[in-house]
Every structure is written in C-alpha cells, then in structure tokens.
Amino acid sequence: MNELAQLNENFTDDFWRHLDKISDNFKDVLKSIASALKELKILSTNLESIIDSIIGVIISLLEISISIAKYFLQKQ
C-alpha cells in the first residue's frame, strides 16, 4: 500500500508541475496576442493616416484640375 501511495504522490506532483507549465505557456501566449493586437492597432492608425493623406492628395489634384478647366473655359 505504501508503494501505491508513493505512486499517487509522484503522479500528483507531476500533474501539478505540468499544469503549472501549461499555465505559464498559456500566459505567454496571451501576452503575445496582446502585443500583436497593440502592434495591429498601431499599424491600423498608421494606415488610416496614409489613407487620409492619399485622399487629401486626390482632393488637391481634383481642385487643381477644376481650376485648370475653369481657366480654359474662361479663355474660350
């Protein structure tokens, strides 16, 4: 019976040790996901700024085109 109790104790110790490792690994995974989400937010913000700049350039080009068209229409 003493041998069975020792096996049970060893199993329990191993079980909790492995569970702790799994828990630590899971925490690391969650930290990595959180970090990736922060990076994604930064990239999203940068992309939004780039898109805003492109839209601004397009609007400016349209305004220039309208001014040129008005000039040529007035010249006729």
PDB file of N, CA and C in Angstrom:
ATOM      1  N   MET A   1       0.824  -1.206   0.000  1.00  0.00           N
ATOM      2  CA  MET A   1       0.000   0.000   0.000  1.00  0.00           C
ATOM      3  C   MET A   1       0.861   1.260   0.000  1.00  0.00           C
ATOM      4  N   ASN A   2       2.008   1.212   0.647  1.00  0.00           N
ATOM      5  CA  ASN A   2       2.913   2.338   0.695  1.00  0.00           C
ATOM      6  C   ASN A   2       3.417   2.690  -0.705  1.00  0.00           C
ATOM      7  N   GLU A   3       3.647   1.677  -1.521  1.00  0.00           N
ATOM      8  CA  GLU A   3       4.123   1.893  -2.889  1.00  0.00           C
ATOM      9  C   GLU A   3       3.048   2.598  -3.724  1.00  0.00           C
ATOM     10  N   LEU A   4       1.790   2.218  -3.537  1.00  0.00           N
ATOM     11  CA  LEU A   4       0.671   2.849  -4.240  1.00  0.00           C
ATOM     12  C   LEU A   4       0.545   4.320  -3.827  1.00  0.00           C
ATOM     13  N   ALA A   5       0.709   4.598  -2.548  1.00  0.00           N
ATOM     14  CA  ALA A   5       0.639   5.982  -2.059  1.00  0.00           C
ATOM     15  C   ALA A   5       1.772   6.812  -2.662  1.00  0.00           C
ATOM     16  N   GLN A   6       2.963   6.217  -2.789  1.00  0.00           N
ATOM     17  CA  GLN A   6       4.107   6.918  -3.375  1.00  0.00           C
ATOM     18  C   GLN A   6       3.855   7.212  -4.856  1.00  0.00           C
ATOM     19  N   LEU A   7       3.290   6.235  -5.578  1.00  0.00           N
ATOM     20  CA  LEU A   7       2.959   6.443  -6.990  1.00  0.00           C
ATOM     21  C   LEU A   7       1.930   7.562  -7.143  1.00  0.00           C
ATOM     22  N   ASN A   8       0.953   7.546  -6.266  1.00  0.00           N
ATOM     23  CA  ASN A   8      -0.085   8.578  -6.302  1.00  0.00           C
ATOM     24  C   ASN A   8       0.522   9.954  -6.045  1.00  0.00           C
ATOM     25  N   GLU A   9       1.399  10.038  -5.073  1.00  0.00           N
ATOM     26  CA  GLU A   9       2.044  11.308  -4.742  1.00  0.00           C
ATOM     27  C   GLU A   9       2.905  11.795  -5.902  1.00  0.00           C
ATOM     28  N   ASN A  10       3.674  10.878  -6.513  1.00  0.00           N
ATOM     29  CA  ASN A  10       4.510  11.241  -7.663  1.00  0.00           C
ATOM     30  C   ASN A  10       3.648  11.730  -8.829  1.00  0.00           C
ATOM     31  N   PHE A  11       2.543  11.005  -9.063  1.00  0.00           N
ATOM     32  CA  PHE A  11       1.638  11.398 -10.149  1.00  0.00           C
ATOM     33  C   PHE A  11       1.062  12.788  -9.882  1.00  0.00           C
ATOM     34  N   THR A  12       0.644  13.013  -8.641  1.00  0.00           N
ATOM     35  CA  THR A  12       0.052  14.308  -8.280  1.00  0.00           C
ATOM     36  C   THR A  12       1.075  15.424  -8.449  1.00  0.00           C
ATOM     37  N   ASP A  13       2.303  15.202  -7.997  1.00  0.00           N
ATOM     38  CA  ASP A  13       3.354  16.206  -8.152  1.00  0.00           C
ATOM     39  C   ASP A  13       3.617  16.496  -9.629  1.00  0.00           C
ATOM     40  N   ASP A  14       3.738  15.430 -10.427  1.00  0.00           N
ATOM     41  CA  ASP A  14       3.965  15.598 -11.868  1.00  0.00           C
ATOM     42  C   ASP A  14       2.798  16.339 -12.521  1.00  0.00           C
ATOM     43  N   PHE A  15       1.586  15.948 -12.115  1.00  0.00           N
ATOM     44  CA  PHE A  15       0.396  16.581 -12.685  1.00  0.00           C
ATOM     45  C   PHE A  15       0.409  18.082 -12.443  1.00  0.00           C
ATOM     46  N   TRP A  16       0.651  18.502 -11.197  1.00  0.00           N
ATOM     47  CA  TRP A  16       0.649  19.929 -10.877  1.00  0.00           C
ATOM     48  C   TRP A  16       1.811  20.658 -11.530  1.00  0.00           C
ATOM     49  N   ARG A  17       2.939  20.013 -11.652  1.00  0.00           N
ATOM     50  CA  ARG A  17       4.103  20.623 -12.307  1.00  0.00           C
ATOM     51  C   ARG A  17       3.785  20.878 -13.788  1.00  0.00           C
ATOM     52  N   HIS A  18       3.182  19.876 -14.447  1.00  0.00           N
ATOM     53  CA  HIS A  18       2.817  20.042 -15.857  1.00  0.00           C
ATOM     54  C   HIS A  18       1.713  21.094 -16.018  1.00  0.00           C
ATOM     55  N   LEU A  19       0.787  21.113 -15.100  1.00  0.00           N
ATOM     56  CA  LEU A  19      -0.283  22.106 -15.151  1.00  0.00           C
ATOM     57  C   LEU A  19       0.280  23.513 -14.990  1.00  0.00           C
ATOM     58  N   ASP A  20       1.262  23.674 -14.123  1.00  0.00           N
ATOM     59  CA  ASP A  20       1.928  24.977 -13.964  1.00  0.00           C
ATOM     60  C   ASP A  20       2.629  25.387 -15.256  1.00  0.00           C
ATOM     61  N   LYS A  21       3.305  24.427 -15.909  1.00  0.00           N
ATOM     62  CA  LYS A  21       3.979  24.732 -17.174  1.00  0.00           C
ATOM     63  C   LYS A  21       2.965  25.142 -18.239  1.00  0.00           C
ATOM     64  N   ILE A  22       1.851  24.414 -18.297  1.00  0.00           N
ATOM     65  CA  ILE A  22       0.801  24.747 -19.269  1.00  0.00           C
ATOM     66  C   ILE A  22       0.257  26.142 -18.977  1.00  0.00           C
ATOM     67  N   SER A  23       0.041  26.436 -17.718  1.00  0.00           N
ATOM     68  CA  SER A  23      -0.458  27.751 -17.317  1.00  0.00           C
ATOM     69  C   SER A  23       0.523  28.849 -17.718  1.00  0.00           C
ATOM     70  N   ASP A  24       1.808  28.625 -17.476  1.00  0.00           N
ATOM     71  CA  ASP A  24       2.831  29.606 -17.850  1.00  0.00           C
ATOM     72  C   ASP A  24       2.853  29.805 -19.367  1.00  0.00           C
ATOM     73  N   ASN A  25       2.776  28.700 -20.108  1.00  0.00           N
ATOM     74  CA  ASN A  25       2.775  28.798 -21.566  1.00  0.00           C
ATOM     75  C   ASN A  25       1.542  29.550 -22.063  1.00  0.00           C
ATOM     76  N   PHE A  26       0.407  29.288 -21.443  1.00  0.00           N
ATOM     77  CA  PHE A  26      -0.825  29.964 -21.829  1.00  0.00           C
ATOM     78  C   PHE A  26      -0.721  31.464 -21.554  1.00  0.00           C
ATOM     79  N   LYS A  27      -0.124  31.824 -20.423  1.00  0.00           N
ATOM     80  CA  LYS A  27       0.092  33.241 -20.110  1.00  0.00           C
ATOM     81  C   LYS A  27       0.985  33.883 -21.172  1.00  0.00           C
ATOM     82  N   ASP A  28       2.040  33.171 -21.577  1.00  0.00           N
ATOM     83  CA  ASP A  28       2.939  33.695 -22.614  1.00  0.00           C
ATOM     84  C   ASP A  28       2.191  33.904 -23.929  1.00  0.00           C
ATOM     85  N   VAL A  29       1.329  32.950 -24.268  1.00  0.00           N
ATOM     86  CA  VAL A  29       0.541  33.068 -25.497  1.00  0.00           C
ATOM     87  C   VAL A  29      -0.374  34.290 -25.410  1.00  0.00           C
ATOM     88  N   LEU A  30      -1.033  34.473 -24.280  1.00  0.00           N
ATOM     89  CA  LEU A  30      -1.916  35.627 -24.118  1.00  0.00           C
ATOM     90  C   LEU A  30      -1.140  36.941 -24.199  1.00  0.00           C
ATOM     91  N   LYS A  31       0.053  36.976 -23.607  1.00  0.00           N
ATOM     92  CA  LYS A  31       0.883  38.175 -23.697  1.00  0.00           C
ATOM     93  C   LYS A  31       1.275  38.450 -25.146  1.00  0.00           C
ATOM     94  N   SER A  32       1.605  37.397 -25.881  1.00  0.00           N
ATOM     95  CA  SER A  32       1.973  37.557 -27.290  1.00  0.00           C
ATOM     96  C   SER A  32       0.795  38.070 -28.104  1.00  0.00           C
ATOM     97  N   ILE A  33      -0.386  37.549 -27.825  1.00  0.00           N
ATOM     98  CA  ILE A  33      -1.586  38.011 -28.531  1.00  0.00           C
ATOM     99  C   ILE A  33      -1.849  39.486 -28.218  1.00  0.00           C
ATOM    100  N   ALA A  34      -1.719  39.855 -26.959  1.00  0.00           N
ATOM    101  CA  ALA A  34      -1.925  41.258 -26.568  1.00  0.00           C
ATOM    102  C   ALA A  34      -0.920  42.171 -27.266  1.00  0.00           C
ATOM    103  N   SER A  35       0.318  41.733 -27.338  1.00  0.00           N
ATOM    104  CA  SER A  35       1.352  42.512 -28.014  1.00  0.00           C
ATOM    105  C   SER A  35       1.031  42.649 -29.503  1.00  0.00           C
ATOM    106  N   ALA A  36       0.615  41.557 -30.113  1.00  0.00           N
ATOM    107  CA  ALA A  36       0.272  41.587 -31.540  1.00  0.00           C
ATOM    108  C   ALA A  36      -0.905  42.523 -31.790  1.00  0.00           C
ATOM    109  N   LEU A  37      -1.884  42.515 -30.887  1.00  0.00           N
ATOM    110  CA  LEU A  37      -3.040  43.408 -31.042  1.00  0.00           C
ATOM    111  C   LEU A  37      -2.623  44.873 -30.920  1.00  0.00           C
ATOM    112  N   LYS A  38      -1.676  45.164 -30.015  1.00  0.00           N
ATOM    113  CA  LYS A  38      -1.171  46.534 -29.888  1.00  0.00           C
ATOM    114  C   LYS A  38      -0.480  46.967 -31.184  1.00  0.00           C
ATOM    115  N   GLU A  39       0.338  46.071 -31.734  1.00  0.00           N
ATOM    116  CA  GLU A  39       1.028  46.369 -32.993  1.00  0.00           C
ATOM    117  C   GLU A  39       0.023  46.578 -34.125  1.00  0.00           C
ATOM    118  N   LEU A  40      -1.003  45.746 -34.141  1.00  0.00           N
ATOM    119  CA  LEU A  40      -2.045  45.867 -35.163  1.00  0.00           C
ATOM    120  C   LEU A  40      -2.763  47.202 -35.048  1.00  0.00           C
ATOM    121  N   LYS A  41      -2.993  47.644 -33.813  1.00  0.00           N
ATOM    122  CA  LYS A  41      -3.637  48.948 -33.599  1.00  0.00           C
ATOM    123  C   LYS A  41      -2.751  50.060 -34.137  1.00  0.00           C
ATOM    124  N   ILE A  42      -1.450  49.974 -33.868  1.00  0.00           N
ATOM    125  CA  ILE A  42      -0.503  50.980 -34.366  1.00  0.00           C
ATOM    126  C   ILE A  42      -0.502  50.979 -35.893  1.00  0.00           C
ATOM    127  N   LEU A  43      -0.450  49.781 -36.499  1.00  0.00           N
ATOM    128  CA  LEU A  43      -0.462  49.689 -37.953  1.00  0.00           C
ATOM    129  C   LEU A  43      -1.757  50.246 -38.527  1.00  0.00           C
ATOM    130  N   SER A  44      -2.846  49.965 -37.855  1.00  0.00           N
ATOM    131  CA  SER A  44      -4.149  50.465 -38.304  1.00  0.00           C
ATOM    132  C   SER A  44      -4.181  51.991 -38.271  1.00  0.00           C
ATOM    133  N   THR A  45      -3.650  52.558 -37.204  1.00  0.00           N
ATOM    134  CA  THR A  45      -3.605  54.019 -37.084  1.00  0.00           C
ATOM    135  C   THR A  45      -2.730  54.610 -38.185  1.00  0.00           C
ATOM    136  N   ASN A  46      -1.583  53.984 -38.432  1.00  0.00           N
ATOM    137  CA  ASN A  46      -0.689  54.467 -39.488  1.00  0.00           C
ATOM    138  C   ASN A  46      -1.354  54.343 -40.855  1.00  0.00           C
ATOM    139  N   LEU A  47      -2.039  53.253 -41.084  1.00  0.00           N
ATOM    140  CA  LEU A  47      -2.731  53.050 -42.358  1.00  0.00           C
ATOM    141  C   LEU A  47      -3.825  54.092 -42.544  1.00  0.00           C
ATOM    142  N   GLU A  48      -4.524  54.399 -41.464  1.00  0.00           N
ATOM    143  CA  GLU A  48      -5.566  55.427 -41.517  1.00  0.00           C
ATOM    144  C   GLU A  48      -4.960  56.777 -41.903  1.00  0.00           C
ATOM    145  N   SER A  49      -3.803  57.092 -41.338  1.00  0.00           N
ATOM    146  CA  SER A  49      -3.126  58.352 -41.662  1.00  0.00           C
ATOM    147  C   SER A  49      -2.699  58.374 -43.128  1.00  0.00           C
ATOM    148  N   ILE A  50      -2.184  57.262 -43.605  1.00  0.00           N
ATOM    149  CA  ILE A  50      -1.762  57.174 -45.009  1.00  0.00           C
ATOM    150  C   ILE A  50      -2.963  57.362 -45.934  1.00  0.00           C
ATOM    151  N   ILE A  51      -4.065  56.703 -45.616  1.00  0.00           N
ATOM    152  CA  ILE A  51      -5.277  56.830 -46.437  1.00  0.00           C
ATOM    153  C   ILE A  51      -5.779  58.272 -46.424  1.00  0.00           C
ATOM    154  N   ASP A  52      -5.772  58.908 -45.250  1.00  0.00           N
ATOM    155  CA  ASP A  52      -6.181  60.310 -45.161  1.00  0.00           C
ATOM    156  C   ASP A  52      -5.298  61.197 -46.041  1.00  0.00           C
ATOM    157  N   SER A  53      -3.991  60.924 -46.030  1.00  0.00           N
ATOM    158  CA  SER A  53      -3.063  61.705 -46.856  1.00  0.00           C
ATOM    159  C   SER A  53      -3.348  61.494 -48.339  1.00  0.00           C
ATOM    160  N   ILE A  54      -3.587  60.256 -48.735  1.00  0.00           N
ATOM    161  CA  ILE A  54      -3.881  59.952 -50.142  1.00  0.00           C
ATOM    162  C   ILE A  54      -5.172  60.662 -50.566  1.00  0.00           C
ATOM    163  N   ILE A  55      -6.180  60.621 -49.712  1.00  0.00           N
ATOM    164  CA  ILE A  55      -7.447  61.304 -50.020  1.00  0.00           C
ATOM    165  C   ILE A  55      -7.210  62.808 -50.163  1.00  0.00           C
ATOM    166  N   GLY A  56      -6.377  63.365 -49.278  1.00  0.00           N
ATOM    167  CA  GLY A  56      -6.043  64.790 -49.370  1.00  0.00           C
ATOM    168  C   GLY A  56      -5.364  65.126 -50.687  1.00  0.00           C
ATOM    169  N   VAL A  57      -4.441  64.279 -51.130  1.00  0.00           N
ATOM    170  CA  VAL A  57      -3.745  64.497 -52.403  1.00  0.00           C
ATOM    171  C   VAL A  57      -4.739  64.425 -53.561  1.00  0.00           C
ATOM    172  N   ILE A  58      -5.625  63.436 -53.519  1.00  0.00           N
ATOM    173  CA  ILE A  58      -6.618  63.288 -54.587  1.00  0.00           C
ATOM    174  C   ILE A  58      -7.525  64.523 -54.647  1.00  0.00           C
ATOM    175  N   ILE A  59      -7.961  64.999 -53.488  1.00  0.00           N
ATOM    176  CA  ILE A  59      -8.808  66.198 -53.456  1.00  0.00           C
ATOM    177  C   ILE A  59      -8.047  67.403 -54.025  1.00  0.00           C
ATOM    178  N   SER A  60      -6.785  67.536 -53.651  1.00  0.00           N
ATOM    179  CA  SER A  60      -5.981  68.647 -54.170  1.00  0.00           C
ATOM    180  C   SER A  60      -5.844  68.544 -55.687  1.00  0.00           C
ATOM    181  N   LEU A  61      -5.598  67.342 -56.194  1.00  0.00           N
ATOM    182  CA  LEU A  61      -5.485  67.164 -57.644  1.00  0.00           C
ATOM    183  C   LEU A  61      -6.797  67.497 -58.345  1.00  0.00           C
ATOM    184  N   LEU A  62      -7.915  67.116 -57.730  1.00  0.00           N
ATOM    185  CA  LEU A  62      -9.218  67.456 -58.312  1.00  0.00           C
ATOM    186  C   LEU A  62      -9.434  68.962 -58.329  1.00  0.00           C
ATOM    187  N   GLU A  63      -9.046  69.625 -57.250  1.00  0.00           N
ATOM    188  CA  GLU A  63      -9.192  71.087 -57.191  1.00  0.00           C
ATOM    189  C   GLU A  63      -8.327  71.761 -58.252  1.00  0.00           C
ATOM    190  N   ILE A  64      -7.117  71.263 -58.438  1.00  0.00           N
ATOM    191  CA  ILE A  64      -6.226  71.809 -59.477  1.00  0.00           C
ATOM    192  C   ILE A  64      -6.840  71.585 -60.852  1.00  0.00           C
ATOM    193  N   SER A  65      -7.371  70.369 -61.072  1.00  0.00           N
ATOM    194  CA  SER A  65      -7.995  70.065 -62.366  1.00  0.00           C
ATOM    195  C   SER A  65      -9.186  70.973 -62.627  1.00  0.00           C
ATOM    196  N   ILE A  66      -9.985  71.220 -61.612  1.00  0.00           N
ATOM    197  CA  ILE A  66     -11.142  72.119 -61.765  1.00  0.00           C
ATOM    198  C   ILE A  66     -10.667  73.530 -62.077  1.00  0.00           C
ATOM    199  N   SER A  67      -9.622  73.986 -61.412  1.00  0.00           N
ATOM    200  CA  SER A  67      -9.088  75.335 -61.670  1.00  0.00           C
ATOM    201  C   SER A  67      -8.574  75.436 -63.105  1.00  0.00           C
ATOM    202  N   ILE A  68      -7.879  74.420 -63.564  1.00  0.00           N
ATOM    203  CA  ILE A  68      -7.366  74.421 -64.942  1.00  0.00           C
ATOM    204  C   ILE A  68      -8.527  74.420 -65.933  1.00  0.00           C
ATOM    205  N   ALA A  69      -9.541  73.600 -65.648  1.00  0.00           N
ATOM    206  CA  ALA A  69     -10.707  73.546 -66.538  1.00  0.00           C
ATOM    207  C   ALA A  69     -11.411  74.895 -66.576  1.00  0.00           C
ATOM    208  N   LYS A  70     -11.578  75.558 -65.428  1.00  0.00           N
ATOM    209  CA  LYS A  70     -12.204  76.889 -65.384  1.00  0.00           C
ATOM    210  C   LYS A  70     -11.387  77.897 -66.189  1.00  0.00           C
ATOM    211  N   TYR A  71     -10.073  77.819 -66.063  1.00  0.00           N
ATOM    212  CA  TYR A  71      -9.191  78.746 -66.797  1.00  0.00           C
ATOM    213  C   TYR A  71      -9.409  78.607 -68.295  1.00  0.00           C
ATOM    214  N   PHE A  72      -9.417  77.343 -68.780  1.00  0.00           N
ATOM    215  CA  PHE A  72      -9.575  77.133 -70.212  1.00  0.00           C
ATOM    216  C   PHE A  72     -10.982  77.473 -70.683  1.00  0.00           C
ATOM    217  N   LEU A  73     -11.984  77.265 -69.824  1.00  0.00           N
ATOM    218  CA  LEU A  73     -13.348  77.626 -70.197  1.00  0.00           C
ATOM    219  C   LEU A  73     -13.510  79.145 -70.283  1.00  0.00           C
ATOM    220  N   GLN A  74     -12.862  79.882 -69.387  1.00  0.00           N
ATOM    221  CA  GLN A  74     -12.945  81.345 -69.410  1.00  0.00           C
ATOM    222  C   GLN A  74     -12.181  81.922 -70.598  1.00  0.00           C
ATOM    223  N   LYS A  75     -11.139  81.222 -71.039  1.00  0.00           N
ATOM    224  CA  LYS A  75     -10.308  81.686 -72.135  1.00  0.00           C
ATOM    225  C   LYS A  75     -11.049  81.592 -73.464  1.00  0.00           C
ATOM    226  N   GLN A  76     -12.003  80.687 -73.551  1.00  0.00           N
ATOM    227  CA  GLN A  76     -12.710  80.488 -74.824  1.00  0.00           C
ATOM    228  C   GLN A  76     -13.681  81.535 -75.068  1.00  0.00           C
TER     229      GLN A  76
END
